[in-house]
PDB file of all heavy atoms in Angstrom:
ATOM      1  N   ALA A   1     -23.632  26.321  29.923  1.00  0.00           N
ATOM      2  CA  ALA A   1     -24.809  26.393  30.792  1.00  0.00           C
ATOM      3  C   ALA A   1     -24.642  25.505  32.026  1.00  0.00           C
ATOM      4  O   ALA A   1     -25.089  25.856  33.124  1.00  0.00           O
ATOM      5  CB  ALA A   1     -26.057  25.978  30.011  1.00  0.00           C
ATOM      6  N   GLY A   2     -23.979  24.362  31.846  1.00  0.00           N
ATOM      7  CA  GLY A   2     -23.759  23.464  32.965  1.00  0.00           C
ATOM      8  C   GLY A   2     -22.895  24.083  34.041  1.00  0.00           C
ATOM      9  O   GLY A   2     -23.176  23.930  35.243  1.00  0.00           O
ATOM     10  N   VAL A   3     -21.850  24.814  33.628  1.00  0.00           N
ATOM     11  CA  VAL A   3     -20.992  25.496  34.603  1.00  0.00           C
ATOM     12  C   VAL A   3     -21.789  26.564  35.341  1.00  0.00           C
ATOM     13  O   VAL A   3     -21.690  26.706  36.564  1.00  0.00           O
ATOM     14  CB  VAL A   3     -19.768  26.111  33.895  1.00  0.00           C
ATOM     15  CG1 VAL A   3     -18.988  26.995  34.870  1.00  0.00           C
ATOM     16  CG2 VAL A   3     -18.871  25.018  33.349  1.00  0.00           C
ATOM     17  N   SER A   4     -22.581  27.321  34.591  1.00  0.00           N
ATOM     18  CA  SER A   4     -23.411  28.353  35.231  1.00  0.00           C
ATOM     19  C   SER A   4     -24.357  27.734  36.254  1.00  0.00           C
ATOM     20  O   SER A   4     -24.581  28.281  37.338  1.00  0.00           O
ATOM     21  CB  SER A   4     -24.208  29.108  34.168  1.00  0.00           C
ATOM     22  OG  SER A   4     -23.353  29.796  33.282  1.00  0.00           O
ATOM     23  N   GLU A   5     -24.912  26.582  35.913  1.00  0.00           N
ATOM     24  CA  GLU A   5     -25.846  25.920  36.815  1.00  0.00           C
ATOM     25  C   GLU A   5     -25.149  25.466  38.105  1.00  0.00           C
ATOM     26  O   GLU A   5     -25.721  25.574  39.203  1.00  0.00           O
ATOM     27  CB  GLU A   5     -26.487  24.719  36.111  1.00  0.00           C
ATOM     28  CG  GLU A   5     -27.581  24.021  36.904  1.00  0.00           C
ATOM     29  CD  GLU A   5     -28.828  24.854  37.074  1.00  0.00           C
ATOM     30  OE1 GLU A   5     -28.997  25.842  36.332  1.00  0.00           O
ATOM     31  OE2 GLU A   5     -29.642  24.524  37.962  1.00  0.00           O
ATOM     32  N   TYR A   6     -23.916  24.964  37.947  1.00  0.00           N
ATOM     33  CA  TYR A   6     -23.156  24.578  39.135  1.00  0.00           C
ATOM     34  C   TYR A   6     -23.009  25.748  40.093  1.00  0.00           C
ATOM     35  O   TYR A   6     -23.260  25.633  41.306  1.00  0.00           O
ATOM     36  CB  TYR A   6     -21.758  24.083  38.738  1.00  0.00           C
ATOM     37  CG  TYR A   6     -21.701  22.655  38.245  1.00  0.00           C
ATOM     38  CD1 TYR A   6     -20.885  22.317  37.154  1.00  0.00           C
ATOM     39  CD2 TYR A   6     -22.426  21.644  38.866  1.00  0.00           C
ATOM     40  CE1 TYR A   6     -20.806  21.014  36.705  1.00  0.00           C
ATOM     41  CE2 TYR A   6     -22.352  20.333  38.418  1.00  0.00           C
ATOM     42  CZ  TYR A   6     -21.544  20.024  37.330  1.00  0.00           C
ATOM     43  OH  TYR A   6     -21.481  18.737  36.882  1.00  0.00           O
ATOM     44  N   PHE A   7     -22.585  26.890  39.551  1.00  0.00           N
ATOM     45  CA  PHE A   7     -22.373  28.057  40.401  1.00  0.00           C
ATOM     46  C   PHE A   7     -23.699  28.592  40.942  1.00  0.00           C
ATOM     47  O   PHE A   7     -23.758  29.098  42.061  1.00  0.00           O
ATOM     48  CB  PHE A   7     -21.632  29.159  39.624  1.00  0.00           C
ATOM     49  CG  PHE A   7     -20.144  28.988  39.625  1.00  0.00           C
ATOM     50  CD1 PHE A   7     -19.483  28.431  38.536  1.00  0.00           C
ATOM     51  CD2 PHE A   7     -19.389  29.385  40.725  1.00  0.00           C
ATOM     52  CE1 PHE A   7     -18.105  28.265  38.541  1.00  0.00           C
ATOM     53  CE2 PHE A   7     -18.012  29.229  40.740  1.00  0.00           C
ATOM     54  CZ  PHE A   7     -17.365  28.660  39.644  1.00  0.00           C
ATOM     55  N   LEU A   8     -24.747  28.481  40.153  1.00  0.00           N
ATOM     56  CA  LEU A   8     -26.058  28.921  40.597  1.00  0.00           C
ATOM     57  C   LEU A   8     -26.518  28.123  41.806  1.00  0.00           C
ATOM     58  O   LEU A   8     -27.079  28.681  42.764  1.00  0.00           O
ATOM     59  CB  LEU A   8     -27.067  28.767  39.450  1.00  0.00           C
ATOM     60  CG  LEU A   8     -28.508  29.179  39.737  1.00  0.00           C
ATOM     61  CD1 LEU A   8     -28.594  30.685  39.946  1.00  0.00           C
ATOM     62  CD2 LEU A   8     -29.411  28.740  38.582  1.00  0.00           C
ATOM     63  N   ARG A   9     -26.270  26.815  41.790  1.00  0.00           N
ATOM     64  CA  ARG A   9     -26.778  25.933  42.839  1.00  0.00           C
ATOM     65  C   ARG A   9     -25.826  25.769  44.022  1.00  0.00           C
ATOM     66  O   ARG A   9     -26.268  25.515  45.150  1.00  0.00           O
ATOM     67  CB  ARG A   9     -27.075  24.548  42.245  1.00  0.00           C
ATOM     68  CG  ARG A   9     -28.087  24.543  41.122  1.00  0.00           C
ATOM     69  CD  ARG A   9     -29.456  24.999  41.591  1.00  0.00           C
ATOM     70  NE  ARG A   9     -30.418  25.007  40.491  1.00  0.00           N
ATOM     71  CZ  ARG A   9     -31.665  25.462  40.605  1.00  0.00           C
ATOM     72  NH1 ARG A   9     -32.091  25.933  41.758  1.00  0.00           N
ATOM     73  NH2 ARG A   9     -32.475  25.453  39.555  1.00  0.00           N
ATOM     74  N   GLU A  10     -24.515  25.895  43.762  1.00  0.00           N
ATOM     75  CA  GLU A  10     -23.555  25.530  44.801  1.00  0.00           C
ATOM     76  C   GLU A  10     -22.543  26.621  45.145  1.00  0.00           C
ATOM     77  O   GLU A  10     -21.821  26.513  46.124  1.00  0.00           O
ATOM     78  CB  GLU A  10     -22.795  24.268  44.386  1.00  0.00           C
ATOM     79  CG  GLU A  10     -23.682  23.067  44.107  1.00  0.00           C
ATOM     80  CD  GLU A  10     -22.879  21.859  43.656  1.00  0.00           C
ATOM     81  OE1 GLU A  10     -21.761  21.667  44.181  1.00  0.00           O
ATOM     82  OE2 GLU A  10     -23.355  21.118  42.786  1.00  0.00           O
ATOM     83  N   GLY A  11     -22.456  27.655  44.325  1.00  0.00           N
ATOM     84  CA  GLY A  11     -21.462  28.683  44.576  1.00  0.00           C
ATOM     85  C   GLY A  11     -20.055  28.104  44.540  1.00  0.00           C
ATOM     86  O   GLY A  11     -19.737  27.228  43.741  1.00  0.00           O
ATOM     87  N   ILE A  12     -19.205  28.553  45.444  1.00  0.00           N
ATOM     88  CA  ILE A  12     -17.803  28.138  45.465  1.00  0.00           C
ATOM     89  C   ILE A  12     -17.639  26.647  45.730  1.00  0.00           C
ATOM     90  O   ILE A  12     -16.611  26.044  45.392  1.00  0.00           O
ATOM     91  CB  ILE A  12     -17.016  28.953  46.515  1.00  0.00           C
ATOM     92  CG1 ILE A  12     -15.492  28.762  46.352  1.00  0.00           C
ATOM     93  CG2 ILE A  12     -17.463  28.600  47.920  1.00  0.00           C
ATOM     94  CD1 ILE A  12     -14.949  29.339  45.083  1.00  0.00           C
ATOM     95  N   LEU A  13     -18.651  26.005  46.290  1.00  0.00           N
ATOM     96  CA  LEU A  13     -18.569  24.580  46.606  1.00  0.00           C
ATOM     97  C   LEU A  13     -18.480  23.711  45.354  1.00  0.00           C
ATOM     98  O   LEU A  13     -18.109  22.545  45.439  1.00  0.00           O
ATOM     99  CB  LEU A  13     -19.782  24.153  47.447  1.00  0.00           C
ATOM    100  CG  LEU A  13     -19.926  24.852  48.808  1.00  0.00           C
ATOM    101  CD1 LEU A  13     -21.192  24.383  49.501  1.00  0.00           C
ATOM    102  CD2 LEU A  13     -18.704  24.589  49.678  1.00  0.00           C
ATOM    103  N   CYS A  14     -18.803  24.291  44.200  1.00  0.00           N
ATOM    104  CA  CYS A  14     -18.770  23.506  42.959  1.00  0.00           C
ATOM    105  C   CYS A  14     -17.412  23.539  42.278  1.00  0.00           C
ATOM    106  O   CYS A  14     -17.228  22.943  41.217  1.00  0.00           O
ATOM    107  CB  CYS A  14     -19.816  24.037  41.977  1.00  0.00           C
ATOM    108  SG  CYS A  14     -19.313  25.542  41.117  1.00  0.00           S
ATOM    109  N   LEU A  15     -16.433  24.212  42.891  1.00  0.00           N
ATOM    110  CA  LEU A  15     -15.196  24.512  42.171  1.00  0.00           C
ATOM    111  C   LEU A  15     -14.479  23.268  41.657  1.00  0.00           C
ATOM    112  O   LEU A  15     -13.975  23.240  40.532  1.00  0.00           O
ATOM    113  CB  LEU A  15     -14.257  25.332  43.064  1.00  0.00           C
ATOM    114  CG  LEU A  15     -13.227  26.177  42.312  1.00  0.00           C
ATOM    115  CD1 LEU A  15     -13.915  27.120  41.339  1.00  0.00           C
ATOM    116  CD2 LEU A  15     -12.368  26.952  43.280  1.00  0.00           C
ATOM    117  N   GLU A  16     -14.437  22.224  42.459  1.00  0.00           N
ATOM    118  CA  GLU A  16     -13.742  21.025  42.002  1.00  0.00           C
ATOM    119  C   GLU A  16     -14.452  20.380  40.818  1.00  0.00           C
ATOM    120  O   GLU A  16     -13.809  19.813  39.925  1.00  0.00           O
ATOM    121  CB  GLU A  16     -13.590  20.034  43.159  1.00  0.00           C
ATOM    122  CG  GLU A  16     -12.591  20.486  44.204  1.00  0.00           C
ATOM    123  CD  GLU A  16     -12.259  19.385  45.197  1.00  0.00           C
ATOM    124  OE1 GLU A  16     -12.666  18.226  44.954  1.00  0.00           O
ATOM    125  OE2 GLU A  16     -11.602  19.675  46.210  1.00  0.00           O
ATOM    126  N   LYS A  17     -15.757  20.472  40.773  1.00  0.00           N
ATOM    127  CA  LYS A  17     -16.486  19.960  39.613  1.00  0.00           C
ATOM    128  C   LYS A  17     -16.136  20.756  38.362  1.00  0.00           C
ATOM    129  O   LYS A  17     -15.988  20.212  37.274  1.00  0.00           O
ATOM    130  CB  LYS A  17     -17.988  20.028  39.865  1.00  0.00           C
ATOM    131  CG  LYS A  17     -18.499  19.149  40.982  1.00  0.00           C
ATOM    132  CD  LYS A  17     -19.996  19.339  41.176  1.00  0.00           C
ATOM    133  CE  LYS A  17     -20.508  18.507  42.340  1.00  0.00           C
ATOM    134  NZ  LYS A  17     -21.956  18.733  42.568  1.00  0.00           N
ATOM    135  N   VAL A  18     -16.026  22.059  38.525  1.00  0.00           N
ATOM    136  CA  VAL A  18     -15.766  22.935  37.383  1.00  0.00           C
ATOM    137  C   VAL A  18     -14.334  22.796  36.891  1.00  0.00           C
ATOM    138  O   VAL A  18     -14.071  22.779  35.689  1.00  0.00           O
ATOM    139  CB  VAL A  18     -16.067  24.399  37.771  1.00  0.00           C
ATOM    140  CG1 VAL A  18     -15.658  25.340  36.651  1.00  0.00           C
ATOM    141  CG2 VAL A  18     -17.545  24.564  38.083  1.00  0.00           C
ATOM    142  N   THR A  19     -13.384  22.697  37.825  1.00  0.00           N
ATOM    143  CA  THR A  19     -11.975  22.672  37.439  1.00  0.00           C
ATOM    144  C   THR A  19     -11.435  21.272  37.199  1.00  0.00           C
ATOM    145  O   THR A  19     -10.286  21.108  36.795  1.00  0.00           O
ATOM    146  CB  THR A  19     -11.112  23.351  38.524  1.00  0.00           C
ATOM    147  OG1 THR A  19     -11.256  22.633  39.757  1.00  0.00           O
ATOM    148  CG2 THR A  19     -11.523  24.799  38.722  1.00  0.00           C
ATOM    149  N   GLY A  20     -12.236  20.278  37.416  1.00  0.00           N
ATOM    150  CA  GLY A  20     -11.756  18.895  37.362  1.00  0.00           C
ATOM    151  C   GLY A  20     -11.201  18.467  36.024  1.00  0.00           C
ATOM    152  O   GLY A  20     -10.379  17.548  35.954  1.00  0.00           O
ATOM    153  N   ARG A  21     -11.641  19.116  34.938  1.00  0.00           N
ATOM    154  CA  ARG A  21     -11.201  18.708  33.604  1.00  0.00           C
ATOM    155  C   ARG A  21     -10.085  19.578  33.050  1.00  0.00           C
ATOM    156  O   ARG A  21      -9.684  19.411  31.895  1.00  0.00           O
ATOM    157  CB  ARG A  21     -12.385  18.745  32.636  1.00  0.00           C
ATOM    158  CG  ARG A  21     -13.448  17.700  32.894  1.00  0.00           C
ATOM    159  CD  ARG A  21     -14.407  17.637  31.716  1.00  0.00           C
ATOM    160  NE  ARG A  21     -13.708  17.264  30.485  1.00  0.00           N
ATOM    161  CZ  ARG A  21     -14.141  17.600  29.266  1.00  0.00           C
ATOM    162  NH1 ARG A  21     -15.232  18.312  29.119  1.00  0.00           N
ATOM    163  NH2 ARG A  21     -13.468  17.213  28.196  1.00  0.00           N
ATOM    164  N   ILE A  22      -9.569  20.501  33.826  1.00  0.00           N
ATOM    165  CA  ILE A  22      -8.588  21.442  33.287  1.00  0.00           C
ATOM    166  C   ILE A  22      -7.351  20.722  32.768  1.00  0.00           C
ATOM    167  O   ILE A  22      -6.857  21.006  31.674  1.00  0.00           O
ATOM    168  CB  ILE A  22      -8.214  22.500  34.348  1.00  0.00           C
ATOM    169  CG1 ILE A  22      -9.401  23.435  34.566  1.00  0.00           C
ATOM    170  CG2 ILE A  22      -6.994  23.283  33.901  1.00  0.00           C
ATOM    171  CD1 ILE A  22      -9.148  24.523  35.567  1.00  0.00           C
ATOM    172  N   SER A  23      -6.820  19.777  33.540  1.00  0.00           N
ATOM    173  CA  SER A  23      -5.632  19.044  33.098  1.00  0.00           C
ATOM    174  C   SER A  23      -5.912  18.271  31.815  1.00  0.00           C
ATOM    175  O   SER A  23      -5.080  18.216  30.898  1.00  0.00           O
ATOM    176  CB  SER A  23      -5.159  18.086  34.193  1.00  0.00           C
ATOM    177  OG  SER A  23      -4.702  18.793  35.316  1.00  0.00           O
ATOM    178  N   GLU A  24      -7.098  17.675  31.742  1.00  0.00           N
ATOM    179  CA  GLU A  24      -7.483  16.914  30.551  1.00  0.00           C
ATOM    180  C   GLU A  24      -7.567  17.815  29.324  1.00  0.00           C
ATOM    181  O   GLU A  24      -7.080  17.465  28.239  1.00  0.00           O
ATOM    182  CB  GLU A  24      -8.836  16.251  30.802  1.00  0.00           C
ATOM    183  CG  GLU A  24      -9.401  15.489  29.619  1.00  0.00           C
ATOM    184  CD  GLU A  24     -10.811  14.999  29.875  1.00  0.00           C
ATOM    185  OE1 GLU A  24     -11.233  14.955  31.050  1.00  0.00           O
ATOM    186  OE2 GLU A  24     -11.500  14.663  28.881  1.00  0.00           O
ATOM    187  N   VAL A  25      -8.162  18.976  29.497  1.00  0.00           N
ATOM    188  CA  VAL A  25      -8.301  19.912  28.375  1.00  0.00           C
ATOM    189  C   VAL A  25      -6.941  20.467  27.968  1.00  0.00           C
ATOM    190  O   VAL A  25      -6.644  20.629  26.779  1.00  0.00           O
ATOM    191  CB  VAL A  25      -9.269  21.048  28.744  1.00  0.00           C
ATOM    192  CG1 VAL A  25      -9.313  22.104  27.640  1.00  0.00           C
ATOM    193  CG2 VAL A  25     -10.668  20.489  28.994  1.00  0.00           C
ATOM    194  N   ARG A  26      -6.085  20.733  28.937  1.00  0.00           N
ATOM    195  CA  ARG A  26      -4.743  21.231  28.629  1.00  0.00           C
ATOM    196  C   ARG A  26      -3.963  20.194  27.809  1.00  0.00           C
ATOM    197  O   ARG A  26      -3.274  20.529  26.849  1.00  0.00           O
ATOM    198  CB  ARG A  26      -3.992  21.562  29.927  1.00  0.00           C
ATOM    199  CG  ARG A  26      -2.740  22.417  29.705  1.00  0.00           C
ATOM    200  CD  ARG A  26      -1.954  22.596  31.004  1.00  0.00           C
ATOM    201  NE  ARG A  26      -2.746  23.137  32.082  1.00  0.00           N
ATOM    202  CZ  ARG A  26      -2.993  24.431  32.253  1.00  0.00           C
ATOM    203  NH1 ARG A  26      -2.506  25.315  31.404  1.00  0.00           N
ATOM    204  NH2 ARG A  26      -3.724  24.836  33.277  1.00  0.00           N
ATOM    205  N   GLN A  27      -4.082  18.935  28.193  1.00  0.00           N
ATOM    206  CA  GLN A  27      -3.403  17.869  27.458  1.00  0.00           C
ATOM    207  C   GLN A  27      -3.953  17.763  26.035  1.00  0.00           C
ATOM    208  O   GLN A  27      -3.207  17.595  25.071  1.00  0.00           O
ATOM    209  CB  GLN A  27      -3.563  16.542  28.180  1.00  0.00           C
ATOM    210  CG  GLN A  27      -2.892  15.352  27.502  1.00  0.00           C
ATOM    211  CD  GLN A  27      -1.390  15.499  27.406  1.00  0.00           C
ATOM    212  OE1 GLN A  27      -0.738  16.021  28.317  1.00  0.00           O
ATOM    213  NE2 GLN A  27      -0.805  15.055  26.295  1.00  0.00           N
ATOM    214  N   ALA A  28      -5.277  17.862  25.902  1.00  0.00           N
ATOM    215  CA  ALA A  28      -5.893  17.784  24.576  1.00  0.00           C
ATOM    216  C   ALA A  28      -5.434  18.936  23.692  1.00  0.00           C
ATOM    217  O   ALA A  28      -5.151  18.752  22.498  1.00  0.00           O
ATOM    218  CB  ALA A  28      -7.409  17.782  24.703  1.00  0.00           C
TER     219      ALA A  28
END
């Protein structure tokens, strides 16, 4: 829901917030 809210409020401008944890999740 948090990701959906980011896109709802900011559109493409939220991308760094959404993708910021990808490396962390990949490592985990």
